[in-house]
N, C-alpha and C. Protein backbone atom coordinates (compact mmCIF):
# COMPACT_ATOMS: atom_id res chain seq x y z
N MET A 1 8.34 8.72 16.33
CA MET A 1 9.53 9.10 15.57
C MET A 1 9.63 8.24 14.32
N ALA A 2 9.91 8.88 13.21
CA ALA A 2 10.07 8.18 11.94
C ALA A 2 11.50 8.33 11.45
N VAL A 3 11.89 7.42 10.58
CA VAL A 3 13.19 7.52 9.91
C VAL A 3 12.91 8.12 8.53
N ILE A 4 13.53 9.28 8.27
CA ILE A 4 13.35 10.01 7.02
C ILE A 4 14.66 9.97 6.25
N LEU A 5 14.58 9.62 4.97
CA LEU A 5 15.74 9.63 4.08
C LEU A 5 15.48 10.63 2.97
N LEU A 6 16.36 11.62 2.87
CA LEU A 6 16.29 12.61 1.81
C LEU A 6 17.36 12.32 0.78
N MET A 7 16.97 12.35 -0.50
CA MET A 7 17.94 12.26 -1.60
C MET A 7 17.83 13.55 -2.39
N ASP A 8 18.82 14.43 -2.25
CA ASP A 8 18.81 15.72 -2.94
C ASP A 8 20.24 16.22 -3.05
N ASP A 9 20.60 16.74 -4.22
CA ASP A 9 21.96 17.19 -4.43
C ASP A 9 22.20 18.62 -3.94
N GLN A 10 21.19 19.32 -3.47
CA GLN A 10 21.35 20.69 -2.99
C GLN A 10 21.62 20.70 -1.48
N ALA A 11 22.81 21.19 -1.11
CA ALA A 11 23.21 21.21 0.29
C ALA A 11 22.25 22.02 1.15
N GLY A 12 21.74 23.13 0.64
CA GLY A 12 20.83 23.96 1.42
C GLY A 12 19.53 23.24 1.77
N ILE A 13 19.01 22.46 0.83
CA ILE A 13 17.79 21.67 1.08
C ILE A 13 18.09 20.60 2.13
N ARG A 14 19.23 19.91 1.97
CA ARG A 14 19.58 18.86 2.94
C ARG A 14 19.68 19.43 4.35
N GLU A 15 20.32 20.58 4.50
CA GLU A 15 20.50 21.16 5.83
C GLU A 15 19.18 21.67 6.40
N MET A 16 18.37 22.34 5.59
CA MET A 16 17.08 22.84 6.06
C MET A 16 16.19 21.68 6.55
N LEU A 17 16.15 20.59 5.77
CA LEU A 17 15.30 19.48 6.17
C LEU A 17 15.87 18.71 7.34
N ARG A 18 17.21 18.65 7.44
CA ARG A 18 17.82 18.01 8.62
C ARG A 18 17.34 18.75 9.87
N GLU A 19 17.47 20.07 9.87
CA GLU A 19 17.06 20.87 11.04
C GLU A 19 15.57 20.70 11.33
N THR A 20 14.75 20.70 10.28
CA THR A 20 13.31 20.58 10.43
C THR A 20 12.92 19.26 11.08
N PHE A 21 13.43 18.16 10.55
CA PHE A 21 13.00 16.85 11.02
C PHE A 21 13.62 16.47 12.36
N VAL A 22 14.86 16.84 12.59
CA VAL A 22 15.49 16.55 13.88
C VAL A 22 14.79 17.34 14.99
N ALA A 23 14.37 18.57 14.69
CA ALA A 23 13.71 19.41 15.69
C ALA A 23 12.40 18.81 16.18
N VAL A 24 11.73 18.02 15.34
CA VAL A 24 10.46 17.41 15.77
C VAL A 24 10.64 15.94 16.16
N GLY A 25 11.89 15.48 16.26
CA GLY A 25 12.16 14.16 16.81
C GLY A 25 12.34 13.02 15.83
N HIS A 26 12.38 13.31 14.54
CA HIS A 26 12.60 12.25 13.55
C HIS A 26 14.09 11.96 13.40
N GLN A 27 14.39 10.74 13.00
CA GLN A 27 15.76 10.38 12.64
C GLN A 27 15.92 10.72 11.17
N PHE A 28 17.05 11.33 10.79
CA PHE A 28 17.20 11.87 9.45
C PHE A 28 18.52 11.43 8.83
N PHE A 29 18.44 10.98 7.58
CA PHE A 29 19.62 10.65 6.79
C PHE A 29 19.49 11.36 5.45
N ALA A 30 20.62 11.71 4.85
CA ALA A 30 20.58 12.41 3.57
C ALA A 30 21.65 11.87 2.64
N ALA A 31 21.29 11.84 1.36
CA ALA A 31 22.20 11.41 0.30
C ALA A 31 22.21 12.49 -0.78
N THR A 32 23.31 12.56 -1.52
CA THR A 32 23.45 13.58 -2.55
C THR A 32 23.00 13.10 -3.93
N ASP A 33 22.74 11.81 -4.07
CA ASP A 33 22.27 11.27 -5.35
C ASP A 33 21.53 9.96 -5.10
N GLY A 34 20.91 9.44 -6.15
CA GLY A 34 20.11 8.24 -6.01
C GLY A 34 20.91 7.00 -5.65
N GLU A 35 22.11 6.90 -6.18
CA GLU A 35 22.93 5.72 -5.89
C GLU A 35 23.30 5.67 -4.41
N GLN A 36 23.77 6.80 -3.88
CA GLN A 36 24.09 6.87 -2.45
C GLN A 36 22.83 6.67 -1.61
N GLY A 37 21.70 7.21 -2.09
CA GLY A 37 20.45 7.07 -1.37
C GLY A 37 19.98 5.63 -1.27
N LEU A 38 20.14 4.87 -2.35
CA LEU A 38 19.75 3.46 -2.33
C LEU A 38 20.61 2.68 -1.33
N GLN A 39 21.89 3.02 -1.24
CA GLN A 39 22.76 2.38 -0.26
C GLN A 39 22.29 2.71 1.16
N LEU A 40 21.98 3.98 1.41
CA LEU A 40 21.48 4.38 2.74
C LEU A 40 20.14 3.71 3.04
N CYS A 41 19.32 3.54 2.02
CA CYS A 41 18.02 2.90 2.20
C CYS A 41 18.19 1.46 2.70
N ASN A 42 19.24 0.81 2.25
CA ASN A 42 19.51 -0.56 2.69
C ASN A 42 20.14 -0.61 4.08
N SER A 43 21.02 0.35 4.39
CA SER A 43 21.70 0.31 5.68
C SER A 43 20.88 0.95 6.81
N HIS A 44 20.00 1.88 6.48
CA HIS A 44 19.13 2.56 7.45
C HIS A 44 17.72 2.62 6.88
N PRO A 45 16.99 1.52 6.90
CA PRO A 45 15.67 1.48 6.25
C PRO A 45 14.76 2.62 6.73
N PRO A 46 14.31 3.46 5.80
CA PRO A 46 13.49 4.60 6.18
C PRO A 46 12.00 4.26 6.20
N ASP A 47 11.26 5.10 6.90
CA ASP A 47 9.80 5.05 6.85
C ASP A 47 9.30 5.85 5.65
N ILE A 48 10.02 6.95 5.36
CA ILE A 48 9.66 7.83 4.25
C ILE A 48 10.93 8.27 3.52
N VAL A 49 10.84 8.29 2.18
CA VAL A 49 11.91 8.83 1.36
C VAL A 49 11.40 10.11 0.70
N ILE A 50 12.20 11.16 0.79
CA ILE A 50 11.93 12.40 0.06
C ILE A 50 12.95 12.43 -1.07
N LEU A 51 12.46 12.44 -2.29
CA LEU A 51 13.30 12.15 -3.46
C LEU A 51 13.25 13.28 -4.47
N ASP A 52 14.40 13.95 -4.68
CA ASP A 52 14.51 14.97 -5.72
C ASP A 52 14.53 14.27 -7.08
N MET A 53 13.89 14.87 -8.05
CA MET A 53 13.80 14.25 -9.36
C MET A 53 15.02 14.47 -10.24
N PHE A 54 15.76 15.54 -10.00
CA PHE A 54 16.94 15.84 -10.82
C PHE A 54 18.18 15.84 -9.96
N MET A 55 18.97 14.76 -10.07
CA MET A 55 20.21 14.60 -9.30
C MET A 55 21.27 14.01 -10.22
N PRO A 56 22.53 14.19 -9.87
CA PRO A 56 23.59 13.53 -10.64
C PRO A 56 23.65 12.03 -10.32
N VAL A 57 24.41 11.31 -11.08
CA VAL A 57 24.69 9.89 -10.93
C VAL A 57 23.46 9.03 -11.25
N LYS A 58 22.40 9.14 -10.46
CA LYS A 58 21.17 8.39 -10.69
C LYS A 58 20.01 9.33 -10.39
N ASP A 59 19.20 9.63 -11.41
CA ASP A 59 18.14 10.62 -11.23
C ASP A 59 16.97 10.07 -10.41
N GLY A 60 16.02 10.95 -10.13
CA GLY A 60 14.91 10.59 -9.26
C GLY A 60 13.96 9.55 -9.82
N LEU A 61 13.65 9.63 -11.11
CA LEU A 61 12.72 8.64 -11.68
C LEU A 61 13.33 7.24 -11.68
N GLU A 62 14.60 7.14 -12.03
CA GLU A 62 15.28 5.84 -12.01
C GLU A 62 15.34 5.31 -10.57
N THR A 63 15.66 6.18 -9.64
CA THR A 63 15.74 5.79 -8.23
C THR A 63 14.36 5.38 -7.71
N LEU A 64 13.33 6.11 -8.09
CA LEU A 64 11.96 5.79 -7.69
C LEU A 64 11.57 4.39 -8.16
N GLN A 65 11.89 4.07 -9.40
CA GLN A 65 11.56 2.74 -9.91
C GLN A 65 12.30 1.65 -9.14
N GLU A 66 13.57 1.88 -8.83
CA GLU A 66 14.33 0.89 -8.05
C GLU A 66 13.74 0.73 -6.65
N LEU A 67 13.39 1.86 -6.02
CA LEU A 67 12.78 1.78 -4.68
C LEU A 67 11.47 1.00 -4.73
N ARG A 68 10.65 1.24 -5.73
CA ARG A 68 9.37 0.52 -5.87
C ARG A 68 9.60 -0.97 -6.05
N ASN A 69 10.64 -1.35 -6.81
CA ASN A 69 10.95 -2.77 -7.01
C ASN A 69 11.47 -3.41 -5.73
N GLN A 70 12.32 -2.71 -5.00
CA GLN A 70 12.94 -3.26 -3.80
C GLN A 70 12.02 -3.23 -2.59
N ARG A 71 11.25 -2.15 -2.44
CA ARG A 71 10.40 -1.95 -1.26
C ARG A 71 9.06 -1.36 -1.70
N PRO A 72 8.16 -2.19 -2.22
CA PRO A 72 6.91 -1.71 -2.80
C PRO A 72 6.05 -0.85 -1.87
N GLY A 73 6.11 -1.09 -0.57
CA GLY A 73 5.26 -0.35 0.36
C GLY A 73 5.87 0.92 0.91
N LEU A 74 7.08 1.26 0.48
CA LEU A 74 7.77 2.44 1.00
C LEU A 74 7.03 3.72 0.63
N LYS A 75 6.91 4.62 1.59
CA LYS A 75 6.27 5.91 1.35
C LYS A 75 7.29 6.87 0.72
N ILE A 76 6.91 7.49 -0.40
CA ILE A 76 7.83 8.34 -1.14
C ILE A 76 7.18 9.67 -1.46
N ILE A 77 7.94 10.76 -1.20
CA ILE A 77 7.55 12.11 -1.58
C ILE A 77 8.53 12.56 -2.66
N ALA A 78 8.02 12.89 -3.84
CA ALA A 78 8.86 13.39 -4.93
C ALA A 78 8.89 14.91 -4.86
N ILE A 79 10.09 15.49 -5.05
CA ILE A 79 10.23 16.94 -5.05
C ILE A 79 10.99 17.38 -6.30
N SER A 80 10.68 18.59 -6.77
CA SER A 80 11.42 19.14 -7.91
C SER A 80 11.17 20.64 -7.99
N GLY A 81 12.21 21.34 -8.40
CA GLY A 81 12.09 22.77 -8.62
C GLY A 81 12.55 23.15 -10.01
N ALA A 82 12.90 22.17 -10.81
CA ALA A 82 13.42 22.44 -12.15
C ALA A 82 12.33 22.99 -13.06
N PRO A 83 12.71 23.86 -14.00
CA PRO A 83 11.72 24.31 -14.98
C PRO A 83 11.14 23.09 -15.70
N GLY A 84 9.86 23.05 -15.85
CA GLY A 84 9.22 21.88 -16.45
C GLY A 84 9.10 20.73 -15.47
N GLY A 85 9.38 21.00 -14.21
CA GLY A 85 9.35 19.95 -13.20
C GLY A 85 7.99 19.35 -12.94
N LEU A 86 6.92 20.05 -13.32
CA LEU A 86 5.58 19.51 -13.10
C LEU A 86 5.37 18.22 -13.87
N GLY A 87 5.93 18.13 -15.07
CA GLY A 87 5.81 16.90 -15.85
C GLY A 87 6.48 15.73 -15.18
N VAL A 88 7.66 15.96 -14.65
CA VAL A 88 8.38 14.87 -13.98
C VAL A 88 7.70 14.51 -12.66
N LEU A 89 7.09 15.49 -11.99
CA LEU A 89 6.35 15.18 -10.77
C LEU A 89 5.09 14.36 -11.09
N ASP A 90 4.44 14.67 -12.19
CA ASP A 90 3.30 13.84 -12.63
C ASP A 90 3.76 12.41 -12.90
N MET A 91 4.90 12.27 -13.56
CA MET A 91 5.44 10.93 -13.84
C MET A 91 5.78 10.21 -12.54
N ALA A 92 6.34 10.95 -11.58
CA ALA A 92 6.67 10.34 -10.29
C ALA A 92 5.42 9.81 -9.61
N SER A 93 4.33 10.54 -9.70
CA SER A 93 3.06 10.07 -9.12
C SER A 93 2.61 8.78 -9.79
N LYS A 94 2.73 8.73 -11.11
CA LYS A 94 2.33 7.54 -11.84
C LYS A 94 3.21 6.34 -11.51
N LEU A 95 4.47 6.61 -11.14
CA LEU A 95 5.40 5.53 -10.80
C LEU A 95 5.31 5.13 -9.32
N GLY A 96 4.47 5.83 -8.54
CA GLY A 96 4.25 5.38 -7.17
C GLY A 96 4.58 6.34 -6.05
N ALA A 97 4.98 7.57 -6.36
CA ALA A 97 5.18 8.55 -5.27
C ALA A 97 3.81 8.93 -4.73
N GLN A 98 3.64 8.85 -3.40
CA GLN A 98 2.35 9.14 -2.80
C GLN A 98 2.08 10.64 -2.68
N GLN A 99 3.14 11.44 -2.61
CA GLN A 99 3.01 12.89 -2.50
C GLN A 99 4.02 13.52 -3.45
N VAL A 100 3.70 14.71 -3.96
CA VAL A 100 4.66 15.50 -4.73
C VAL A 100 4.64 16.91 -4.16
N VAL A 101 5.83 17.51 -4.07
CA VAL A 101 5.96 18.86 -3.53
C VAL A 101 6.89 19.64 -4.46
N ARG A 102 6.43 20.79 -4.89
CA ARG A 102 7.20 21.63 -5.80
C ARG A 102 8.13 22.55 -5.01
N LYS A 103 9.40 22.62 -5.43
CA LYS A 103 10.34 23.58 -4.85
C LYS A 103 10.08 24.94 -5.47
N PRO A 104 10.30 26.02 -4.75
CA PRO A 104 10.71 26.05 -3.35
C PRO A 104 9.52 25.76 -2.43
N PHE A 105 9.81 25.11 -1.32
CA PHE A 105 8.79 24.82 -0.33
C PHE A 105 9.28 25.30 1.02
N THR A 106 8.35 25.46 1.94
CA THR A 106 8.72 25.84 3.31
C THR A 106 8.92 24.57 4.13
N PRO A 107 9.64 24.67 5.23
CA PRO A 107 9.74 23.50 6.11
C PRO A 107 8.37 22.98 6.53
N GLY A 108 7.43 23.88 6.76
CA GLY A 108 6.09 23.47 7.16
C GLY A 108 5.37 22.67 6.08
N GLU A 109 5.57 23.03 4.82
CA GLU A 109 4.91 22.31 3.73
C GLU A 109 5.42 20.88 3.62
N ILE A 110 6.73 20.70 3.73
CA ILE A 110 7.27 19.34 3.60
C ILE A 110 6.94 18.53 4.85
N LEU A 111 6.94 19.18 6.01
CA LEU A 111 6.57 18.49 7.25
C LEU A 111 5.11 18.04 7.20
N SER A 112 4.27 18.86 6.61
CA SER A 112 2.86 18.50 6.46
C SER A 112 2.71 17.27 5.55
N ALA A 113 3.45 17.24 4.45
CA ALA A 113 3.40 16.09 3.54
C ALA A 113 3.85 14.82 4.25
N VAL A 114 4.91 14.93 5.04
CA VAL A 114 5.42 13.77 5.79
C VAL A 114 4.37 13.32 6.81
N ASN A 115 3.80 14.26 7.53
CA ASN A 115 2.80 13.90 8.55
C ASN A 115 1.59 13.21 7.94
N LYS A 116 1.16 13.65 6.75
CA LYS A 116 0.03 12.99 6.07
C LYS A 116 0.36 11.54 5.78
N LEU A 117 1.57 11.28 5.31
CA LEU A 117 1.96 9.90 5.01
C LEU A 117 2.09 9.07 6.28
N LEU A 118 2.60 9.66 7.33
CA LEU A 118 2.74 8.92 8.59
C LEU A 118 1.37 8.59 9.18
N GLN A 119 0.43 9.49 9.05
CA GLN A 119 -0.92 9.25 9.58
C GLN A 119 -1.66 8.20 8.76
N ALA A 120 -1.29 8.07 7.50
CA ALA A 120 -1.94 7.08 6.63
C ALA A 120 -1.44 5.67 6.88
N ALA A 121 -0.42 5.52 7.71
CA ALA A 121 0.20 4.21 7.95
C ALA A 121 -0.75 3.27 8.67
């Protein structure tokens, strides 16, 4: 069982991933923005963070840089569905995201990305 932290402002994504990860036995926490996510990261240290690149309050790239500074070994999956999102996903990879997944994705696709990171541990 892993602890998964999702930071995404879309309620539908948060609920879909909650159901997906809880169904396979993972512990799941979700935040609606990067600032709330960083607080959850401190109170419930995750094994993997799934990080949306476009969120209110604190965006994904800024949050990714803070996560890298605070917890250099943390496994991070960057996600985005915004037009032009491929550029920001490329930037996320350069800043240290180990996986990138383009929205829309299926529960199986994101679960596969998580499993790859867990197996690499």
